[in-house]
Structure formats: C-alpha cells, structure tokens
Amino acid sequence: MMKIRSSRLVNVLVAGAATTAVLGFSNPAQAIPSSCSYGFHNTNMSSYASCSVGTGRFRATLKCDIPWDIDTVVRGHWLGVTVPPSNSIATCPSNARKGYNPGIERE
C-alpha cells in the first residue's frame, strides 16, 4: 500500500511542476489593435491600414477585380502598433482592373 501512495504523490508533484513551468513562461496576452483606419491609398489599386492603440498586429486587405479570373484578396505586411502610426499597404497586381472593398485584419 505504501508504494501506491508514494507513486501517486510523485505523479501529482511532476504534473504540478510541469503545469507551473508552462504557465510561468507563457507570453503575456496581446491587446488586439484598435483606433484603426483603412481605405484606398492613392488610387483604387491599393489600400492602407493603420492602428494607434494596442499591442497586437494588423495589416491592410484589398479585393482585386482581375479580368477573366477569380477576384483575389491581397494583403499588406503585418505591422505592430506604433506611435506615430505606420501604414500597412496592400496593392493589387498589375493585371487587375481595380481594387475594391479595402479592409483590415487584426490579431
């Protein structure tokens, strides 16, 4: 009987140590970017996105009308929130007729 109890105790201690290690070294939660703006950038072939609050990341999106093909979504580079805000730019390929529905993705 004594061996069963001591092996259970060891299992509980090992599980507790593993849980502490995982929780102790986890990254802090990120605040999804807010105070964001987005729209067309210079022409209807590109869009911008910008955020000024939060610690997460964001990027611009834009749908592109491509003749004789399925419309596609292009995305800008992921950026972190900065002060002053930086712009993520999404640009349609040269064979697109126009861009439409500018937007933003956040994480």
C-alpha atoms as a PDB file:
ATOM      1  CA  MET A   1       0.000   0.000   0.000  1.00  0.00           C
ATOM      2  CA  MET A   2       2.781   2.426   0.780  1.00  0.00           C
ATOM      3  CA  LYS A   3       4.294   2.199  -2.711  1.00  0.00           C
ATOM      4  CA  ILE A   4       0.988   3.078  -4.363  1.00  0.00           C
ATOM      5  CA  ARG A   5       0.612   6.246  -2.305  1.00  0.00           C
ATOM      6  CA  SER A   6       4.175   7.401  -2.889  1.00  0.00           C
ATOM      7  CA  SER A   7       3.943   6.831  -6.663  1.00  0.00           C
ATOM      8  CA  ARG A   8       0.703   8.826  -6.738  1.00  0.00           C
ATOM      9  CA  LEU A   9       2.407  11.612  -4.829  1.00  0.00           C
ATOM     10  CA  VAL A  10       5.291  11.642  -7.312  1.00  0.00           C
ATOM     11  CA  ASN A  11       2.822  11.810 -10.239  1.00  0.00           C
ATOM     12  CA  VAL A  12       0.987  14.725  -8.644  1.00  0.00           C
ATOM     13  CA  LEU A  13       4.241  16.594  -7.969  1.00  0.00           C
ATOM     14  CA  VAL A  14       5.526  16.046 -11.514  1.00  0.00           C
ATOM     15  CA  ALA A  15       2.218  17.190 -13.034  1.00  0.00           C
ATOM     16  CA  GLY A  16       2.219  20.286 -10.831  1.00  0.00           C
ATOM     17  CA  ALA A  17       5.793  21.171 -11.788  1.00  0.00           C
ATOM     18  CA  ALA A  18       5.003  20.759 -15.491  1.00  0.00           C
ATOM     19  CA  THR A  19       1.937  22.991 -15.190  1.00  0.00           C
ATOM     20  CA  THR A  20       3.923  25.663 -13.345  1.00  0.00           C
ATOM     21  CA  ALA A  21       6.640  25.600 -15.997  1.00  0.00           C
ATOM     22  CA  VAL A  22       4.132  26.054 -18.817  1.00  0.00           C
ATOM     23  CA  LEU A  23       2.215  28.817 -17.085  1.00  0.00           C
ATOM     24  CA  GLY A  24       5.309  30.546 -15.743  1.00  0.00           C
ATOM     25  CA  PHE A  25       6.902  31.003 -19.152  1.00  0.00           C
ATOM     26  CA  SER A  26       3.852  31.878 -21.249  1.00  0.00           C
ATOM     27  CA  ASN A  27       3.736  35.139 -23.192  1.00  0.00           C
ATOM     28  CA  PRO A  28       1.540  37.959 -21.932  1.00  0.00           C
ATOM     29  CA  ALA A  29      -1.779  38.406 -23.730  1.00  0.00           C
ATOM     30  CA  GLN A  30      -1.764  40.851 -26.600  1.00  0.00           C
ATOM     31  CA  ALA A  31      -4.379  43.595 -26.919  1.00  0.00           C
ATOM     32  CA  ILE A  32      -5.940  43.499 -30.385  1.00  0.00           C
ATOM     33  CA  PRO A  33      -5.172  46.773 -32.202  1.00  0.00           C
ATOM     34  CA  SER A  34      -7.852  49.446 -32.052  1.00  0.00           C
ATOM     35  CA  SER A  35      -8.292  53.078 -33.080  1.00  0.00           C
ATOM     36  CA  CYS A  36      -7.726  51.847 -36.623  1.00  0.00           C
ATOM     37  CA  SER A  37      -8.418  53.403 -40.000  1.00  0.00           C
ATOM     38  CA  TYR A  38      -8.284  51.957 -43.507  1.00  0.00           C
ATOM     39  CA  GLY A  39      -9.249  52.899 -47.040  1.00  0.00           C
ATOM     40  CA  PHE A  40      -7.886  53.386 -50.522  1.00  0.00           C
ATOM     41  CA  HIS A  41      -4.273  54.517 -50.785  1.00  0.00           C
ATOM     42  CA  ASN A  42      -3.557  56.992 -53.628  1.00  0.00           C
ATOM     43  CA  THR A  43      -5.620  55.054 -56.238  1.00  0.00           C
ATOM     44  CA  ASN A  44      -8.188  52.289 -56.189  1.00  0.00           C
ATOM     45  CA  MET A  45      -5.358  49.791 -56.856  1.00  0.00           C
ATOM     46  CA  SER A  46      -4.017  49.890 -53.291  1.00  0.00           C
ATOM     47  CA  SER A  47      -5.282  50.274 -49.736  1.00  0.00           C
ATOM     48  CA  TYR A  48      -3.806  51.228 -46.364  1.00  0.00           C
ATOM     49  CA  ALA A  49      -4.487  50.246 -42.760  1.00  0.00           C
ATOM     50  CA  SER A  50      -3.215  51.939 -39.633  1.00  0.00           C
ATOM     51  CA  CYS A  51      -3.816  51.458 -35.873  1.00  0.00           C
ATOM     52  CA  SER A  52      -2.685  53.583 -32.933  1.00  0.00           C
ATOM     53  CA  VAL A  53      -3.755  51.584 -29.819  1.00  0.00           C
ATOM     54  CA  GLY A  54      -2.995  48.022 -28.670  1.00  0.00           C
ATOM     55  CA  THR A  55      -0.070  45.622 -28.737  1.00  0.00           C
ATOM     56  CA  GLY A  56      -1.143  43.128 -31.411  1.00  0.00           C
ATOM     57  CA  ARG A  57      -0.610  43.262 -35.166  1.00  0.00           C
ATOM     58  CA  PHE A  58      -2.634  44.443 -38.162  1.00  0.00           C
ATOM     59  CA  ARG A  59      -2.455  44.503 -41.964  1.00  0.00           C
ATOM     60  CA  ALA A  60      -4.317  46.025 -44.895  1.00  0.00           C
ATOM     61  CA  THR A  61      -6.510  43.941 -47.207  1.00  0.00           C
ATOM     62  CA  LEU A  62      -7.973  44.698 -50.637  1.00  0.00           C
ATOM     63  CA  LYS A  63     -10.067  42.695 -53.094  1.00  0.00           C
ATOM     64  CA  CYS A  64      -8.861  42.896 -56.696  1.00  0.00           C
ATOM     65  CA  ASP A  65     -11.008  42.623 -59.831  1.00  0.00           C
ATOM     66  CA  ILE A  66      -8.937  40.569 -62.274  1.00  0.00           C
ATOM     67  CA  PRO A  67     -10.358  40.158 -65.819  1.00  0.00           C
ATOM     68  CA  TRP A  68     -11.128  36.571 -66.894  1.00  0.00           C
ATOM     69  CA  ASP A  69     -10.139  35.197 -63.479  1.00  0.00           C
ATOM     70  CA  ILE A  70     -11.497  34.855 -59.955  1.00  0.00           C
ATOM     71  CA  ASP A  71     -11.216  38.038 -57.897  1.00  0.00           C
ATOM     72  CA  THR A  72      -8.449  37.763 -55.329  1.00  0.00           C
ATOM     73  CA  VAL A  73      -7.640  39.286 -51.946  1.00  0.00           C
ATOM     74  CA  VAL A  74      -4.235  40.875 -51.430  1.00  0.00           C
ATOM     75  CA  ARG A  75      -2.771  41.663 -48.025  1.00  0.00           C
ATOM     76  CA  GLY A  76      -0.120  44.064 -46.763  1.00  0.00           C
ATOM     77  CA  HIS A  77       2.677  43.256 -44.331  1.00  0.00           C
ATOM     78  CA  TRP A  78       1.826  42.578 -40.690  1.00  0.00           C
ATOM     79  CA  LEU A  79       2.747  45.598 -38.555  1.00  0.00           C
ATOM     80  CA  GLY A  80       2.748  46.258 -34.837  1.00  0.00           C
ATOM     81  CA  VAL A  81       1.097  49.340 -33.386  1.00  0.00           C
ATOM     82  CA  THR A  82       3.453  52.327 -33.312  1.00  0.00           C
ATOM     83  CA  VAL A  83       3.227  55.996 -32.376  1.00  0.00           C
ATOM     84  CA  PRO A  84       3.022  57.738 -34.767  1.00  0.00           C
ATOM     85  CA  PRO A  85       1.052  55.034 -36.600  1.00  0.00           C
ATOM     86  CA  SER A  86       2.581  53.226 -39.572  1.00  0.00           C
ATOM     87  CA  ASN A  87       0.651  52.136 -42.661  1.00  0.00           C
ATOM     88  CA  SER A  88       0.351  48.602 -43.959  1.00  0.00           C
ATOM     89  CA  ILE A  89      -0.191  48.761 -47.737  1.00  0.00           C
ATOM     90  CA  ALA A  90      -1.953  46.141 -49.891  1.00  0.00           C
ATOM     91  CA  THR A  91      -1.557  46.503 -53.674  1.00  0.00           C
ATOM     92  CA  CYS A  92      -3.408  44.740 -56.483  1.00  0.00           C
ATOM     93  CA  PRO A  93      -1.310  43.031 -59.180  1.00  0.00           C
ATOM     94  CA  SER A  94      -0.767  44.890 -62.458  1.00  0.00           C
ATOM     95  CA  ASN A  95      -3.282  42.713 -64.327  1.00  0.00           C
ATOM     96  CA  ALA A  96      -6.141  43.832 -62.048  1.00  0.00           C
ATOM     97  CA  ARG A  97      -8.813  46.201 -63.348  1.00  0.00           C
ATOM     98  CA  LYS A  98      -9.416  47.808 -59.964  1.00  0.00           C
ATOM     99  CA  GLY A  99      -9.362  47.230 -56.240  1.00  0.00           C
ATOM    100  CA  TYR A 100     -12.478  47.273 -54.087  1.00  0.00           C
ATOM    101  CA  ASN A 101     -13.597  46.633 -50.520  1.00  0.00           C
ATOM    102  CA  PRO A 102     -10.481  47.822 -48.612  1.00  0.00           C
ATOM    103  CA  GLY A 103     -10.242  46.374 -45.131  1.00  0.00           C
ATOM    104  CA  ILE A 104      -8.081  45.373 -42.191  1.00  0.00           C
ATOM    105  CA  GLU A 105      -7.095  42.151 -40.417  1.00  0.00           C
ATOM    106  CA  ARG A 106      -6.099  42.252 -36.744  1.00  0.00           C
ATOM    107  CA  GLU A 107      -4.567  39.751 -34.346  1.00  0.00           C
END
